[in-house]
C-alpha atoms as a PDB file:
ATOM      1  CA  UNK A   1     -16.398   6.854  19.653  1.00  0.00           C
ATOM      2  CA  UNK A   2     -17.607   3.301  20.097  1.00  0.00           C
ATOM      3  CA  UNK A   3     -15.635   0.628  18.266  1.00  0.00           C
ATOM      4  CA  UNK A   4     -17.801  -1.567  16.040  1.00  0.00           C
ATOM      5  CA  UNK A   5     -18.017  -5.244  16.947  1.00  0.00           C
ATOM      6  CA  UNK A   6     -15.457  -7.335  15.200  1.00  0.00           C
ATOM      7  CA  UNK A   7     -16.509 -10.580  13.590  1.00  0.00           C
ATOM      8  CA  UNK A   8     -13.555 -12.422  15.084  1.00  0.00           C
ATOM      9  CA  UNK A   9     -14.094 -11.294  18.709  1.00  0.00           C
ATOM     10  CA  UNK A  10     -15.582 -14.672  19.629  1.00  0.00           C
ATOM     11  CA  UNK A  11     -12.656 -16.685  18.281  1.00  0.00           C
ATOM     12  CA  UNK A  12     -10.193 -14.204  19.785  1.00  0.00           C
ATOM     13  CA  UNK A  13     -11.938 -14.358  23.173  1.00  0.00           C
ATOM     14  CA  UNK A  14     -11.927 -18.165  23.154  1.00  0.00           C
ATOM     15  CA  UNK A  15      -8.164 -18.119  22.562  1.00  0.00           C
ATOM     16  CA  UNK A  16      -7.642 -15.652  25.416  1.00  0.00           C
ATOM     17  CA  UNK A  17      -9.782 -17.237  28.163  1.00  0.00           C
ATOM     18  CA  UNK A  18      -6.749 -18.473  30.085  1.00  0.00           C
ATOM     19  CA  UNK A  19      -4.955 -15.135  29.708  1.00  0.00           C
ATOM     20  CA  UNK A  20      -8.010 -13.370  31.108  1.00  0.00           C
ATOM     21  CA  UNK A  21      -8.165 -15.813  34.020  1.00  0.00           C
ATOM     22  CA  UNK A  22      -4.498 -15.226  34.813  1.00  0.00           C
ATOM     23  CA  UNK A  23      -4.748 -11.439  34.457  1.00  0.00           C
ATOM     24  CA  UNK A  24      -2.356 -11.415  31.503  1.00  0.00           C
ATOM     25  CA  UNK A  25      -4.336  -9.134  29.185  1.00  0.00           C
ATOM     26  CA  UNK A  26      -3.374  -5.542  28.472  1.00  0.00           C
ATOM     27  CA  UNK A  27      -5.977  -2.888  29.274  1.00  0.00           C
ATOM     28  CA  UNK A  28      -6.993  -2.727  25.621  1.00  0.00           C
ATOM     29  CA  UNK A  29      -7.267  -6.510  25.373  1.00  0.00           C
ATOM     30  CA  UNK A  30      -9.254  -6.635  28.615  1.00  0.00           C
ATOM     31  CA  UNK A  31     -11.747  -4.082  27.257  1.00  0.00           C
ATOM     32  CA  UNK A  32     -12.138  -6.138  24.081  1.00  0.00           C
ATOM     33  CA  UNK A  33     -12.553  -9.328  26.104  1.00  0.00           C
ATOM     34  CA  UNK A  34     -15.036  -7.819  28.573  1.00  0.00           C
ATOM     35  CA  UNK A  35     -17.014  -6.233  25.735  1.00  0.00           C
ATOM     36  CA  UNK A  36     -17.383  -9.614  24.080  1.00  0.00           C
ATOM     37  CA  UNK A  37     -18.287 -11.317  27.387  1.00  0.00           C
ATOM     38  CA  UNK A  38     -21.136  -8.847  27.826  1.00  0.00           C
ATOM     39  CA  UNK A  39     -22.649 -10.163  24.577  1.00  0.00           C
ATOM     40  CA  UNK A  40     -21.659 -13.840  24.634  1.00  0.00           C
ATOM     41  CA  UNK A  41     -23.102 -16.326  27.138  1.00  0.00           C
ATOM     42  CA  UNK A  42     -20.918 -19.106  25.703  1.00  0.00           C
ATOM     43  CA  UNK A  43     -17.714 -17.232  26.538  1.00  0.00           C
ATOM     44  CA  UNK A  44     -19.066 -16.259  29.978  1.00  0.00           C
ATOM     45  CA  UNK A  45     -19.702 -19.951  30.707  1.00  0.00           C
ATOM     46  CA  UNK A  46     -16.244 -20.810  29.386  1.00  0.00           C
ATOM     47  CA  UNK A  47     -14.618 -18.249  31.658  1.00  0.00           C
ATOM     48  CA  UNK A  48     -16.644 -19.428  34.663  1.00  0.00           C
ATOM     49  CA  UNK A  49     -15.660 -23.045  33.969  1.00  0.00           C
ATOM     50  CA  UNK A  50     -11.995 -22.178  33.625  1.00  0.00           C
ATOM     51  CA  UNK A  51     -12.049 -20.146  36.835  1.00  0.00           C
ATOM     52  CA  UNK A  52     -13.708 -23.083  38.652  1.00  0.00           C
ATOM     53  CA  UNK A  53     -11.017 -25.428  37.313  1.00  0.00           C
ATOM     54  CA  UNK A  54      -8.239 -23.114  38.501  1.00  0.00           C
ATOM     55  CA  UNK A  55      -9.849 -22.944  41.960  1.00  0.00           C
ATOM     56  CA  UNK A  56     -10.092 -26.751  42.060  1.00  0.00           C
ATOM     57  CA  UNK A  57      -6.468 -27.159  41.006  1.00  0.00           C
ATOM     58  CA  UNK A  58      -5.270 -24.792  43.713  1.00  0.00           C
ATOM     59  CA  UNK A  59      -6.909 -27.098  46.256  1.00  0.00           C
ATOM     60  CA  UNK A  60      -4.645 -29.982  45.178  1.00  0.00           C
ATOM     61  CA  UNK A  61      -2.255 -28.911  47.913  1.00  0.00           C
ATOM     62  CA  UNK A  62      -4.977 -29.328  50.542  1.00  0.00           C
ATOM     63  CA  UNK A  63      -5.549 -32.560  52.415  1.00  0.00           C
ATOM     64  CA  UNK A  64      -7.644 -35.214  50.670  1.00  0.00           C
ATOM     65  CA  UNK A  65     -11.378 -35.235  51.181  1.00  0.00           C
ATOM     66  CA  UNK A  66     -12.744 -37.545  53.883  1.00  0.00           C
ATOM     67  CA  UNK A  67     -12.896 -41.120  52.654  1.00  0.00           C
ATOM     68  CA  UNK A  68     -10.097 -40.738  50.080  1.00  0.00           C
ATOM     69  CA  UNK A  69      -7.020 -42.794  50.811  1.00  0.00           C
ATOM     70  CA  UNK A  70      -4.110 -40.430  51.267  1.00  0.00           C
ATOM     71  CA  UNK A  71      -1.690 -42.526  49.172  1.00  0.00           C
ATOM     72  CA  UNK A  72      -4.088 -42.448  46.198  1.00  0.00           C
ATOM     73  CA  UNK A  73      -4.609 -38.720  46.609  1.00  0.00           C
ATOM     74  CA  UNK A  74      -0.857 -38.060  46.726  1.00  0.00           C
ATOM     75  CA  UNK A  75      -0.256 -40.226  43.660  1.00  0.00           C
ATOM     76  CA  UNK A  76      -2.939 -38.435  41.626  1.00  0.00           C
ATOM     77  CA  UNK A  77      -1.865 -35.000  42.811  1.00  0.00           C
ATOM     78  CA  UNK A  78       1.749 -35.680  41.859  1.00  0.00           C
ATOM     79  CA  UNK A  79       0.743 -36.989  38.418  1.00  0.00           C
ATOM     80  CA  UNK A  80      -1.324 -33.885  37.742  1.00  0.00           C
ATOM     81  CA  UNK A  81       1.253 -31.431  39.018  1.00  0.00           C
ATOM     82  CA  UNK A  82       4.094 -33.080  37.098  1.00  0.00           C
ATOM     83  CA  UNK A  83       2.249 -33.751  33.849  1.00  0.00           C
ATOM     84  CA  UNK A  84       3.613 -32.032  30.747  1.00  0.00           C
ATOM     85  CA  UNK A  85       1.383 -29.320  29.305  1.00  0.00           C
ATOM     86  CA  UNK A  86      -0.936 -30.293  26.456  1.00  0.00           C
ATOM     87  CA  UNK A  87       0.424 -29.645  22.946  1.00  0.00           C
ATOM     88  CA  UNK A  88       0.181 -25.971  22.073  1.00  0.00           C
ATOM     89  CA  UNK A  89       0.106 -24.794  25.698  1.00  0.00           C
ATOM     90  CA  UNK A  90       3.780 -25.127  26.575  1.00  0.00           C
ATOM     91  CA  UNK A  91       4.610 -21.453  26.047  1.00  0.00           C
END
């Protein structure tokens, strides 16, 4: 039996984008999330953007791009990696 769409799936999906990216959703949550993504281009774009950000952040450990002074790169990388989480994301 197919579950009817819930009115709050969009808000719920927005709140769980990072959990989906990190693979922290239960099977039931993942089905709910994927079902909403199939209908919502805004959430698909949000997920794609978050995944691109995560990929970019993982490259912070790589060497700086050509033309970037290494000391500036190291300073910025260290500031980003040691920054406290934004309010509401510390847990």
